[in-house]
Amino acid sequence: MKVWQDAHKFTITVYKITEGFPHGEQFSLTMQLRRSTSSMGANIAEGFGRYHFKEKIKFYLNARGSAVESENHILLARDLKYMTIAESEILLDNMKEILRELNGLINSTGKKS
């Protein structure tokens, strides 16, 4: 699924960017951002593997929640100057696309149920 592929690429990008975060944030913002972004792909994959449409939607909605949580962490990292404004804009633009794809997946799955 394209949305999973995009979420996966996004997570890899976040891992690379967070390598430059201060060492003191390793178990704080760094870990929170990495977990929320990797949770997106994991929930999409798990939803895809579920048999019932309502179960699928539940996991896709969880992925959506993780995406919005990730947006918050990106804004915080930007405001703390752990990443550049350009990096944050790229991430936020990519996140908008992932959210658009997720919303489409949720809507199309809902129509099948």
PDB file of N, CA and C in Angstrom:
ATOM      1  N   MET A   1       0.839  -1.184   0.000  1.00  0.00           N
ATOM      2  CA  MET A   1       0.000   0.000   0.000  1.00  0.00           C
ATOM      3  C   MET A   1       0.883   1.246   0.000  1.00  0.00           C
ATOM      4  N   LYS A   2       0.501   2.213  -0.797  1.00  0.00           N
ATOM      5  CA  LYS A   2       1.283   3.441  -0.906  1.00  0.00           C
ATOM      6  C   LYS A   2       1.379   4.169   0.429  1.00  0.00           C
ATOM      7  N   VAL A   3       0.288   4.218   1.175  1.00  0.00           N
ATOM      8  CA  VAL A   3       0.321   4.921   2.453  1.00  0.00           C
ATOM      9  C   VAL A   3       1.325   4.273   3.397  1.00  0.00           C
ATOM     10  N   TRP A   4       1.416   2.957   3.393  1.00  0.00           N
ATOM     11  CA  TRP A   4       2.401   2.279   4.246  1.00  0.00           C
ATOM     12  C   TRP A   4       3.812   2.618   3.765  1.00  0.00           C
ATOM     13  N   GLN A   5       4.031   2.590   2.451  1.00  0.00           N
ATOM     14  CA  GLN A   5       5.348   2.914   1.903  1.00  0.00           C
ATOM     15  C   GLN A   5       5.765   4.331   2.284  1.00  0.00           C
ATOM     16  N   ASP A   6       4.822   5.268   2.168  1.00  0.00           N
ATOM     17  CA  ASP A   6       5.122   6.657   2.528  1.00  0.00           C
ATOM     18  C   ASP A   6       5.407   6.798   4.021  1.00  0.00           C
ATOM     19  N   ALA A   7       4.637   6.110   4.848  1.00  0.00           N
ATOM     20  CA  ALA A   7       4.862   6.153   6.294  1.00  0.00           C
ATOM     21  C   ALA A   7       6.227   5.544   6.637  1.00  0.00           C
ATOM     22  N   HIS A   8       6.584   4.482   5.952  1.00  0.00           N
ATOM     23  CA  HIS A   8       7.875   3.823   6.188  1.00  0.00           C
ATOM     24  C   HIS A   8       9.029   4.759   5.822  1.00  0.00           C
ATOM     25  N   LYS A   9       8.954   5.390   4.657  1.00  0.00           N
ATOM     26  CA  LYS A   9      10.000   6.346   4.238  1.00  0.00           C
ATOM     27  C   LYS A   9      10.087   7.506   5.223  1.00  0.00           C
ATOM     28  N   PHE A  10       8.916   7.966   5.669  1.00  0.00           N
ATOM     29  CA  PHE A  10       8.858   9.061   6.617  1.00  0.00           C
ATOM     30  C   PHE A  10       9.586   8.695   7.911  1.00  0.00           C
ATOM     31  N   THR A  11       9.344   7.493   8.401  1.00  0.00           N
ATOM     32  CA  THR A  11       9.981   7.029   9.631  1.00  0.00           C
ATOM     33  C   THR A  11      11.490   6.975   9.478  1.00  0.00           C
ATOM     34  N   ILE A  12      11.959   6.494   8.352  1.00  0.00           N
ATOM     35  CA  ILE A  12      13.409   6.448   8.110  1.00  0.00           C
ATOM     36  C   ILE A  12      13.997   7.855   8.125  1.00  0.00           C
ATOM     37  N   THR A  13      13.307   8.800   7.496  1.00  0.00           N
ATOM     38  CA  THR A  13      13.765  10.189   7.487  1.00  0.00           C
ATOM     39  C   THR A  13      13.827  10.747   8.905  1.00  0.00           C
ATOM     40  N   VAL A  14      12.801  10.466   9.696  1.00  0.00           N
ATOM     41  CA  VAL A  14      12.767  10.946  11.079  1.00  0.00           C
ATOM     42  C   VAL A  14      13.929  10.349  11.881  1.00  0.00           C
ATOM     43  N   TYR A  15      14.205   9.072  11.691  1.00  0.00           N
ATOM     44  CA  TYR A  15      15.328   8.454  12.398  1.00  0.00           C
ATOM     45  C   TYR A  15      16.633   9.168  12.047  1.00  0.00           C
ATOM     46  N   LYS A  16      16.823   9.496  10.778  1.00  0.00           N
ATOM     47  CA  LYS A  16      18.055  10.172  10.363  1.00  0.00           C
ATOM     48  C   LYS A  16      18.155  11.567  10.961  1.00  0.00           C
ATOM     49  N   ILE A  17      17.040  12.308  10.930  1.00  0.00           N
ATOM     50  CA  ILE A  17      17.047  13.675  11.476  1.00  0.00           C
ATOM     51  C   ILE A  17      17.292  13.655  12.978  1.00  0.00           C
ATOM     52  N   THR A  18      16.652  12.717  13.684  1.00  0.00           N
ATOM     53  CA  THR A  18      16.775  12.705  15.148  1.00  0.00           C
ATOM     54  C   THR A  18      18.150  12.248  15.621  1.00  0.00           C
ATOM     55  N   GLU A  19      18.964  11.691  14.729  1.00  0.00           N
ATOM     56  CA  GLU A  19      20.343  11.357  15.109  1.00  0.00           C
ATOM     57  C   GLU A  19      21.102  12.616  15.535  1.00  0.00           C
ATOM     58  N   GLY A  20      20.677  13.763  15.006  1.00  0.00           N
ATOM     59  CA  GLY A  20      21.339  15.021  15.333  1.00  0.00           C
ATOM     60  C   GLY A  20      20.759  15.739  16.539  1.00  0.00           C
ATOM     61  N   PHE A  21      19.751  15.173  17.180  1.00  0.00           N
ATOM     62  CA  PHE A  21      19.172  15.795  18.369  1.00  0.00           C
ATOM     63  C   PHE A  21      20.179  15.718  19.517  1.00  0.00           C
ATOM     64  N   PRO A  22      20.067  16.614  20.485  1.00  0.00           N
ATOM     65  CA  PRO A  22      20.978  16.572  21.638  1.00  0.00           C
ATOM     66  C   PRO A  22      20.914  15.218  22.348  1.00  0.00           C
ATOM     67  N   HIS A  23      22.054  14.777  22.844  1.00  0.00           N
ATOM     68  CA  HIS A  23      22.135  13.479  23.527  1.00  0.00           C
ATOM     69  C   HIS A  23      21.166  13.417  24.718  1.00  0.00           C
ATOM     70  N   GLY A  24      20.974  14.545  25.376  1.00  0.00           N
ATOM     71  CA  GLY A  24      20.066  14.589  26.522  1.00  0.00           C
ATOM     72  C   GLY A  24      18.616  14.298  26.161  1.00  0.00           C
ATOM     73  N   GLU A  25      18.274  14.372  24.880  1.00  0.00           N
ATOM     74  CA  GLU A  25      16.906  14.096  24.417  1.00  0.00           C
ATOM     75  C   GLU A  25      16.739  12.655  23.949  1.00  0.00           C
ATOM     76  N   GLN A  26      17.783  11.856  24.049  1.00  0.00           N
ATOM     77  CA  GLN A  26      17.741  10.487  23.520  1.00  0.00           C
ATOM     78  C   GLN A  26      16.562   9.687  24.060  1.00  0.00           C
ATOM     79  N   PHE A  27      16.264   9.821  25.331  1.00  0.00           N
ATOM     80  CA  PHE A  27      15.183   9.047  25.927  1.00  0.00           C
ATOM     81  C   PHE A  27      13.923   9.878  26.120  1.00  0.00           C
ATOM     82  N   SER A  28      13.894  11.022  25.508  1.00  0.00           N
ATOM     83  CA  SER A  28      12.750  11.913  25.638  1.00  0.00           C
ATOM     84  C   SER A  28      12.141  12.175  24.263  1.00  0.00           C
ATOM     85  N   LEU A  29      12.348  13.362  23.753  1.00  0.00           N
ATOM     86  CA  LEU A  29      11.724  13.752  22.486  1.00  0.00           C
ATOM     87  C   LEU A  29      12.174  12.869  21.324  1.00  0.00           C
ATOM     88  N   THR A  30      13.435  12.504  21.293  1.00  0.00           N
ATOM     89  CA  THR A  30      13.934  11.634  20.222  1.00  0.00           C
ATOM     90  C   THR A  30      13.141  10.336  20.185  1.00  0.00           C
ATOM     91  N   MET A  31      13.018   9.689  21.322  1.00  0.00           N
ATOM     92  CA  MET A  31      12.317   8.406  21.398  1.00  0.00           C
ATOM     93  C   MET A  31      10.825   8.570  21.126  1.00  0.00           C
ATOM     94  N   GLN A  32      10.223   9.637  21.636  1.00  0.00           N
ATOM     95  CA  GLN A  32       8.789   9.856  21.409  1.00  0.00           C
ATOM     96  C   GLN A  32       8.493  10.047  19.925  1.00  0.00           C
ATOM     97  N   LEU A  33       9.308  10.837  19.247  1.00  0.00           N
ATOM     98  CA  LEU A  33       9.092  11.079  17.825  1.00  0.00           C
ATOM     99  C   LEU A  33       9.321   9.804  17.021  1.00  0.00           C
ATOM    100  N   ARG A  34      10.352   9.071  17.345  1.00  0.00           N
ATOM    101  CA  ARG A  34      10.610   7.816  16.634  1.00  0.00           C
ATOM    102  C   ARG A  34       9.479   6.803  16.855  1.00  0.00           C
ATOM    103  N   ARG A  35       9.009   6.700  18.064  1.00  0.00           N
ATOM    104  CA  ARG A  35       7.937   5.745  18.360  1.00  0.00           C
ATOM    105  C   ARG A  35       6.631   6.131  17.676  1.00  0.00           C
ATOM    106  N   SER A  36       6.284   7.413  17.705  1.00  0.00           N
ATOM    107  CA  SER A  36       5.013   7.814  17.089  1.00  0.00           C
ATOM    108  C   SER A  36       5.047   7.631  15.575  1.00  0.00           C
ATOM    109  N   THR A  37       6.199   7.893  14.950  1.00  0.00           N
ATOM    110  CA  THR A  37       6.260   7.711  13.504  1.00  0.00           C
ATOM    111  C   THR A  37       6.292   6.239  13.124  1.00  0.00           C
ATOM    112  N   SER A  38       7.025   5.434  13.868  1.00  0.00           N
ATOM    113  CA  SER A  38       7.053   4.004  13.532  1.00  0.00           C
ATOM    114  C   SER A  38       5.711   3.345  13.835  1.00  0.00           C
ATOM    115  N   SER A  39       4.968   3.898  14.764  1.00  0.00           N
ATOM    116  CA  SER A  39       3.637   3.383  15.087  1.00  0.00           C
ATOM    117  C   SER A  39       2.667   3.556  13.914  1.00  0.00           C
ATOM    118  N   MET A  40       2.874   4.598  13.124  1.00  0.00           N
ATOM    119  CA  MET A  40       2.001   4.805  11.956  1.00  0.00           C
ATOM    120  C   MET A  40       2.069   3.595  11.031  1.00  0.00           C
ATOM    121  N   GLY A  41       3.260   3.246  10.595  1.00  0.00           N
ATOM    122  CA  GLY A  41       3.431   2.122   9.682  1.00  0.00           C
ATOM    123  C   GLY A  41       2.999   0.806  10.295  1.00  0.00           C
ATOM    124  N   ALA A  42       3.303   0.625  11.577  1.00  0.00           N
ATOM    125  CA  ALA A  42       2.938  -0.626  12.249  1.00  0.00           C
ATOM    126  C   ALA A  42       1.420  -0.789  12.308  1.00  0.00           C
ATOM    127  N   ASN A  43       0.715   0.282  12.606  1.00  0.00           N
ATOM    128  CA  ASN A  43      -0.749   0.208  12.675  1.00  0.00           C
ATOM    129  C   ASN A  43      -1.387   0.022  11.298  1.00  0.00           C
ATOM    130  N   ILE A  44      -0.809   0.640  10.286  1.00  0.00           N
ATOM    131  CA  ILE A  44      -1.312   0.432   8.928  1.00  0.00           C
ATOM    132  C   ILE A  44      -1.142  -1.033   8.543  1.00  0.00           C
ATOM    133  N   ALA A  45       0.038  -1.588   8.829  1.00  0.00           N
ATOM    134  CA  ALA A  45       0.307  -2.996   8.504  1.00  0.00           C
ATOM    135  C   ALA A  45      -0.636  -3.916   9.272  1.00  0.00           C
ATOM    136  N   GLU A  46      -0.812  -3.650  10.553  1.00  0.00           N
ATOM    137  CA  GLU A  46      -1.677  -4.513  11.346  1.00  0.00           C
ATOM    138  C   GLU A  46      -3.126  -4.418  10.872  1.00  0.00           C
ATOM    139  N   GLY A  47      -3.568  -3.213  10.550  1.00  0.00           N
ATOM    140  CA  GLY A  47      -4.929  -3.056  10.028  1.00  0.00           C
ATOM    141  C   GLY A  47      -5.117  -3.801   8.723  1.00  0.00           C
ATOM    142  N   PHE A  48      -4.117  -3.730   7.860  1.00  0.00           N
ATOM    143  CA  PHE A  48      -4.182  -4.426   6.580  1.00  0.00           C
ATOM    144  C   PHE A  48      -4.322  -5.928   6.786  1.00  0.00           C
ATOM    145  N   GLY A  49      -3.699  -6.440   7.832  1.00  0.00           N
ATOM    146  CA  GLY A  49      -3.727  -7.868   8.108  1.00  0.00           C
ATOM    147  C   GLY A  49      -4.988  -8.359   8.792  1.00  0.00           C
ATOM    148  N   ARG A  50      -5.829  -7.452   9.222  1.00  0.00           N
ATOM    149  CA  ARG A  50      -7.064  -7.839   9.899  1.00  0.00           C
ATOM    150  C   ARG A  50      -8.131  -8.232   8.884  1.00  0.00           C
ATOM    151  N   TYR A  51      -8.990  -9.135   9.289  1.00  0.00           N
ATOM    152  CA  TYR A  51     -10.006  -9.675   8.389  1.00  0.00           C
ATOM    153  C   TYR A  51     -11.253  -8.792   8.330  1.00  0.00           C
ATOM    154  N   HIS A  52     -11.731  -8.346   9.466  1.00  0.00           N
ATOM    155  CA  HIS A  52     -12.977  -7.579   9.519  1.00  0.00           C
ATOM    156  C   HIS A  52     -12.710  -6.094   9.275  1.00  0.00           C
ATOM    157  N   PHE A  53     -13.597  -5.473   8.531  1.00  0.00           N
ATOM    158  CA  PHE A  53     -13.417  -4.072   8.153  1.00  0.00           C
ATOM    159  C   PHE A  53     -13.376  -3.147   9.366  1.00  0.00           C
ATOM    160  N   LYS A  54     -14.196  -3.417  10.379  1.00  0.00           N
ATOM    161  CA  LYS A  54     -14.192  -2.565  11.575  1.00  0.00           C
ATOM    162  C   LYS A  54     -12.852  -2.634  12.300  1.00  0.00           C
ATOM    163  N   GLU A  55     -12.247  -3.815  12.315  1.00  0.00           N
ATOM    164  CA  GLU A  55     -10.920  -3.952  12.923  1.00  0.00           C
ATOM    165  C   GLU A  55      -9.886  -3.176  12.114  1.00  0.00           C
ATOM    166  N   LYS A  56      -9.973  -3.285  10.789  1.00  0.00           N
ATOM    167  CA  LYS A  56      -9.051  -2.556   9.922  1.00  0.00           C
ATOM    168  C   LYS A  56      -9.112  -1.065  10.223  1.00  0.00           C
ATOM    169  N   ILE A  57     -10.338  -0.536  10.262  1.00  0.00           N
ATOM    170  CA  ILE A  57     -10.522   0.898  10.492  1.00  0.00           C
ATOM    171  C   ILE A  57      -9.943   1.315  11.834  1.00  0.00           C
ATOM    172  N   LYS A  58     -10.122   0.482  12.847  1.00  0.00           N
ATOM    173  CA  LYS A  58      -9.590   0.788  14.183  1.00  0.00           C
ATOM    174  C   LYS A  58      -8.084   1.024  14.114  1.00  0.00           C
ATOM    175  N   PHE A  59      -7.373   0.153  13.423  1.00  0.00           N
ATOM    176  CA  PHE A  59      -5.923   0.306  13.335  1.00  0.00           C
ATOM    177  C   PHE A  59      -5.527   1.478  12.441  1.00  0.00           C
ATOM    178  N   TYR A  60      -6.284   1.733  11.382  1.00  0.00           N
ATOM    179  CA  TYR A  60      -5.996   2.891  10.536  1.00  0.00           C
ATOM    180  C   TYR A  60      -6.220   4.185  11.310  1.00  0.00           C
ATOM    181  N   LEU A  61      -7.235   4.204  12.180  1.00  0.00           N
ATOM    182  CA  LEU A  61      -7.463   5.382  13.020  1.00  0.00           C
ATOM    183  C   LEU A  61      -6.336   5.544  14.043  1.00  0.00           C
ATOM    184  N   ASN A  62      -5.833   4.429  14.565  1.00  0.00           N
ATOM    185  CA  ASN A  62      -4.677   4.506  15.467  1.00  0.00           C
ATOM    186  C   ASN A  62      -3.467   5.095  14.738  1.00  0.00           C
ATOM    187  N   ALA A  63      -3.267   4.701  13.490  1.00  0.00           N
ATOM    188  CA  ALA A  63      -2.167   5.242  12.686  1.00  0.00           C
ATOM    189  C   ALA A  63      -2.348   6.748  12.507  1.00  0.00           C
ATOM    190  N   ARG A  64      -3.585   7.159  12.290  1.00  0.00           N
ATOM    191  CA  ARG A  64      -3.881   8.581  12.129  1.00  0.00           C
ATOM    192  C   ARG A  64      -3.555   9.343  13.419  1.00  0.00           C
ATOM    193  N   GLY A  65      -3.921   8.767  14.553  1.00  0.00           N
ATOM    194  CA  GLY A  65      -3.596   9.388  15.832  1.00  0.00           C
ATOM    195  C   GLY A  65      -2.096   9.517  16.032  1.00  0.00           C
ATOM    196  N   SER A  66      -1.350   8.498  15.662  1.00  0.00           N
ATOM    197  CA  SER A  66       0.113   8.551  15.764  1.00  0.00           C
ATOM    198  C   SER A  66       0.685   9.608  14.837  1.00  0.00           C
ATOM    199  N   ALA A  67       0.079   9.789  13.680  1.00  0.00           N
ATOM    200  CA  ALA A  67       0.541  10.813  12.741  1.00  0.00           C
ATOM    201  C   ALA A  67       0.376  12.208  13.336  1.00  0.00           C
ATOM    202  N   VAL A  68      -0.757  12.460  13.948  1.00  0.00           N
ATOM    203  CA  VAL A  68      -1.002  13.772  14.549  1.00  0.00           C
ATOM    204  C   VAL A  68      -0.082  13.989  15.755  1.00  0.00           C
ATOM    205  N   GLU A  69       0.151  12.932  16.519  1.00  0.00           N
ATOM    206  CA  GLU A  69       1.102  13.018  17.624  1.00  0.00           C
ATOM    207  C   GLU A  69       2.490  13.369  17.085  1.00  0.00           C
ATOM    208  N   SER A  70       2.869  12.751  15.983  1.00  0.00           N
ATOM    209  CA  SER A  70       4.169  13.031  15.367  1.00  0.00           C
ATOM    210  C   SER A  70       4.274  14.488  14.950  1.00  0.00           C
ATOM    211  N   GLU A  71       3.204  15.036  14.411  1.00  0.00           N
ATOM    212  CA  GLU A  71       3.205  16.454  14.030  1.00  0.00           C
ATOM    213  C   GLU A  71       3.538  17.329  15.235  1.00  0.00           C
ATOM    214  N   ASN A  72       2.938  17.010  16.369  1.00  0.00           N
ATOM    215  CA  ASN A  72       3.202  17.772  17.580  1.00  0.00           C
ATOM    216  C   ASN A  72       4.678  17.699  17.968  1.00  0.00           C
ATOM    217  N   HIS A  73       5.255  16.510  17.916  1.00  0.00           N
ATOM    218  CA  HIS A  73       6.661  16.345  18.268  1.00  0.00           C
ATOM    219  C   HIS A  73       7.576  17.088  17.291  1.00  0.00           C
ATOM    220  N   ILE A  74       7.203  17.106  16.013  1.00  0.00           N
ATOM    221  CA  ILE A  74       7.988  17.835  15.012  1.00  0.00           C
ATOM    222  C   ILE A  74       7.973  19.331  15.307  1.00  0.00           C
ATOM    223  N   LEU A  75       6.808  19.858  15.624  1.00  0.00           N
ATOM    224  CA  LEU A  75       6.708  21.286  15.953  1.00  0.00           C
ATOM    225  C   LEU A  75       7.534  21.627  17.193  1.00  0.00           C
ATOM    226  N   LEU A  76       7.492  20.763  18.189  1.00  0.00           N
ATOM    227  CA  LEU A  76       8.276  20.987  19.401  1.00  0.00           C
ATOM    228  C   LEU A  76       9.770  20.956  19.087  1.00  0.00           C
ATOM    229  N   ALA A  77      10.199  19.954  18.311  1.00  0.00           N
ATOM    230  CA  ALA A  77      11.615  19.854  17.944  1.00  0.00           C
ATOM    231  C   ALA A  77      12.065  21.078  17.151  1.00  0.00           C
ATOM    232  N   ARG A  78      11.212  21.557  16.262  1.00  0.00           N
ATOM    233  CA  ARG A  78      11.533  22.761  15.491  1.00  0.00           C
ATOM    234  C   ARG A  78      11.663  23.971  16.411  1.00  0.00           C
ATOM    235  N   ASP A  79      10.697  24.128  17.329  1.00  0.00           N
ATOM    236  CA  ASP A  79      10.708  25.291  18.220  1.00  0.00           C
ATOM    237  C   ASP A  79      11.878  25.256  19.202  1.00  0.00           C
ATOM    238  N   LEU A  80      12.337  24.056  19.528  1.00  0.00           N
ATOM    239  CA  LEU A  80      13.515  23.919  20.391  1.00  0.00           C
ATOM    240  C   LEU A  80      14.817  24.001  19.595  1.00  0.00           C
ATOM    241  N   LYS A  81      14.673  24.164  18.276  1.00  0.00           N
ATOM    242  CA  LYS A  81      15.801  24.288  17.349  1.00  0.00           C
ATOM    243  C   LYS A  81      16.644  23.011  17.275  1.00  0.00           C
ATOM    244  N   TYR A  82      15.976  21.860  17.452  1.00  0.00           N
ATOM    245  CA  TYR A  82      16.645  20.572  17.278  1.00  0.00           C
ATOM    246  C   TYR A  82      16.661  20.170  15.812  1.00  0.00           C
ATOM    247  N   MET A  83      15.808  20.812  15.030  1.00  0.00           N
ATOM    248  CA  MET A  83      15.808  20.610  13.578  1.00  0.00           C
ATOM    249  C   MET A  83      15.598  21.977  12.941  1.00  0.00           C
ATOM    250  N   THR A  84      15.977  22.072  11.685  1.00  0.00           N
ATOM    251  CA  THR A  84      15.832  23.343  10.988  1.00  0.00           C
ATOM    252  C   THR A  84      14.371  23.552  10.580  1.00  0.00           C
ATOM    253  N   ILE A  85      14.053  24.777  10.273  1.00  0.00           N
ATOM    254  CA  ILE A  85      12.703  25.091   9.784  1.00  0.00           C
ATOM    255  C   ILE A  85      12.458  24.347   8.476  1.00  0.00           C
ATOM    256  N   ALA A  86      13.474  24.285   7.621  1.00  0.00           N
ATOM    257  CA  ALA A  86      13.333  23.575   6.342  1.00  0.00           C
ATOM    258  C   ALA A  86      13.043  22.099   6.568  1.00  0.00           C
ATOM    259  N   GLU A  87      13.750  21.467   7.512  1.00  0.00           N
ATOM    260  CA  GLU A  87      13.492  20.057   7.821  1.00  0.00           C
ATOM    261  C   GLU A  87      12.068  19.862   8.329  1.00  0.00           C
ATOM    262  N   SER A  88      11.645  20.749   9.221  1.00  0.00           N
ATOM    263  CA  SER A  88      10.297  20.608   9.777  1.00  0.00           C
ATOM    264  C   SER A  88       9.236  20.815   8.699  1.00  0.00           C
ATOM    265  N   GLU A  89       9.459  21.748   7.786  1.00  0.00           N
ATOM    266  CA  GLU A  89       8.488  21.983   6.710  1.00  0.00           C
ATOM    267  C   GLU A  89       8.380  20.765   5.794  1.00  0.00           C
ATOM    268  N   ILE A  90       9.507  20.159   5.477  1.00  0.00           N
ATOM    269  CA  ILE A  90       9.484  18.948   4.646  1.00  0.00           C
ATOM    270  C   ILE A  90       8.718  17.841   5.357  1.00  0.00           C
ATOM    271  N   LEU A  91       9.024  17.637   6.641  1.00  0.00           N
ATOM    272  CA  LEU A  91       8.333  16.598   7.401  1.00  0.00           C
ATOM    273  C   LEU A  91       6.835  16.877   7.496  1.00  0.00           C
ATOM    274  N   LEU A  92       6.476  18.111   7.784  1.00  0.00           N
ATOM    275  CA  LEU A  92       5.054  18.443   7.922  1.00  0.00           C
ATOM    276  C   LEU A  92       4.310  18.319   6.591  1.00  0.00           C
ATOM    277  N   ASP A  93       4.963  18.677   5.488  1.00  0.00           N
ATOM    278  CA  ASP A  93       4.347  18.493   4.168  1.00  0.00           C
ATOM    279  C   ASP A  93       4.150  17.009   3.866  1.00  0.00           C
ATOM    280  N   ASN A  94       5.162  16.205   4.182  1.00  0.00           N
ATOM    281  CA  ASN A  94       5.036  14.758   3.985  1.00  0.00           C
ATOM    282  C   ASN A  94       3.922  14.186   4.852  1.00  0.00           C
ATOM    283  N   MET A  95       3.817  14.701   6.075  1.00  0.00           N
ATOM    284  CA  MET A  95       2.776  14.223   6.986  1.00  0.00           C
ATOM    285  C   MET A  95       1.385  14.561   6.460  1.00  0.00           C
ATOM    286  N   LYS A  96       1.234  15.734   5.868  1.00  0.00           N
ATOM    287  CA  LYS A  96      -0.064  16.093   5.277  1.00  0.00           C
ATOM    288  C   LYS A  96      -0.476  15.075   4.219  1.00  0.00           C
ATOM    289  N   GLU A  97       0.466  14.648   3.420  1.00  0.00           N
ATOM    290  CA  GLU A  97       0.186  13.661   2.373  1.00  0.00           C
ATOM    291  C   GLU A  97      -0.174  12.314   2.988  1.00  0.00           C
ATOM    292  N   ILE A  98       0.559  11.905   4.000  1.00  0.00           N
ATOM    293  CA  ILE A  98       0.261  10.637   4.666  1.00  0.00           C
ATOM    294  C   ILE A  98      -1.134  10.690   5.294  1.00  0.00           C
ATOM    295  N   LEU A  99      -1.471  11.798   5.935  1.00  0.00           N
ATOM    296  CA  LEU A  99      -2.804  11.940   6.532  1.00  0.00           C
ATOM    297  C   LEU A  99      -3.899  11.914   5.469  1.00  0.00           C
ATOM    298  N   ARG A 100      -3.638  12.538   4.334  1.00  0.00           N
ATOM    299  CA  ARG A 100      -4.605  12.513   3.238  1.00  0.00           C
ATOM    300  C   ARG A 100      -4.823  11.081   2.764  1.00  0.00           C
ATOM    301  N   GLU A 101      -3.736  10.344   2.603  1.00  0.00           N
ATOM    302  CA  GLU A 101      -3.831   8.947   2.175  1.00  0.00           C
ATOM    303  C   GLU A 101      -4.542   8.090   3.218  1.00  0.00           C
ATOM    304  N   LEU A 102      -4.220   8.319   4.488  1.00  0.00           N
ATOM    305  CA  LEU A 102      -4.867   7.567   5.563  1.00  0.00           C
ATOM    306  C   LEU A 102      -6.362   7.841   5.607  1.00  0.00           C
ATOM    307  N   ASN A 103      -6.740   9.103   5.465  1.00  0.00           N
ATOM    308  CA  ASN A 103      -8.160   9.450   5.458  1.00  0.00           C
ATOM    309  C   ASN A 103      -8.877   8.753   4.294  1.00  0.00           C
ATOM    310  N   GLY A 104      -8.228   8.716   3.155  1.00  0.00           N
ATOM    311  CA  GLY A 104      -8.812   8.008   2.000  1.00  0.00           C
ATOM    312  C   GLY A 104      -8.947   6.526   2.277  1.00  0.00           C
ATOM    313  N   LEU A 105      -7.935   5.926   2.910  1.00  0.00           N
ATOM    314  CA  LEU A 105      -7.990   4.502   3.241  1.00  0.00           C
ATOM    315  C   LEU A 105      -9.101   4.212   4.235  1.00  0.00           C
ATOM    316  N   ILE A 106      -9.235   5.066   5.234  1.00  0.00           N
ATOM    317  CA  ILE A 106     -10.290   4.902   6.244  1.00  0.00           C
ATOM    318  C   ILE A 106     -11.659   5.009   5.575  1.00  0.00           C
ATOM    319  N   ASN A 107     -11.828   6.011   4.734  1.00  0.00           N
ATOM    320  CA  ASN A 107     -13.121   6.196   4.058  1.00  0.00           C
ATOM    321  C   ASN A 107     -13.450   5.026   3.123  1.00  0.00           C
ATOM    322  N   SER A 108     -12.474   4.582   2.356  1.00  0.00           N
ATOM    323  CA  SER A 108     -12.762   3.480   1.413  1.00  0.00           C
ATOM    324  C   SER A 108     -13.017   2.177   2.147  1.00  0.00           C
ATOM    325  N   THR A 109     -12.318   1.958   3.234  1.00  0.00           N
ATOM    326  CA  THR A 109     -12.553   0.741   4.032  1.00  0.00           C
ATOM    327  C   THR A 109     -13.923   0.789   4.690  1.00  0.00           C
ATOM    328  N   GLY A 110     -14.311   1.973   5.149  1.00  0.00           N
ATOM    329  CA  GLY A 110     -15.622   2.132   5.756  1.00  0.00           C
ATOM    330  C   GLY A 110     -16.755   1.853   4.780  1.00  0.00           C
ATOM    331  N   LYS A 111     -16.562   2.193   3.535  1.00  0.00           N
ATOM    332  CA  LYS A 111     -17.590   1.951   2.513  1.00  0.00           C
ATOM    333  C   LYS A 111     -17.759   0.458   2.227  1.00  0.00           C
ATOM    334  N   LYS A 112     -16.700  -0.315   2.482  1.00  0.00           N
ATOM    335  CA  LYS A 112     -16.755  -1.755   2.215  1.00  0.00           C
ATOM    336  C   LYS A 112     -17.484  -2.510   3.326  1.00  0.00           C
ATOM    337  N   SER A 113     -17.532  -1.888   4.517  1.00  0.00           N
ATOM    338  CA  SER A 113     -18.131  -2.604   5.655  1.00  0.00           C
ATOM    339  C   SER A 113     -19.639  -2.584   5.653  1.00  0.00           C
TER     340      SER A 113
END
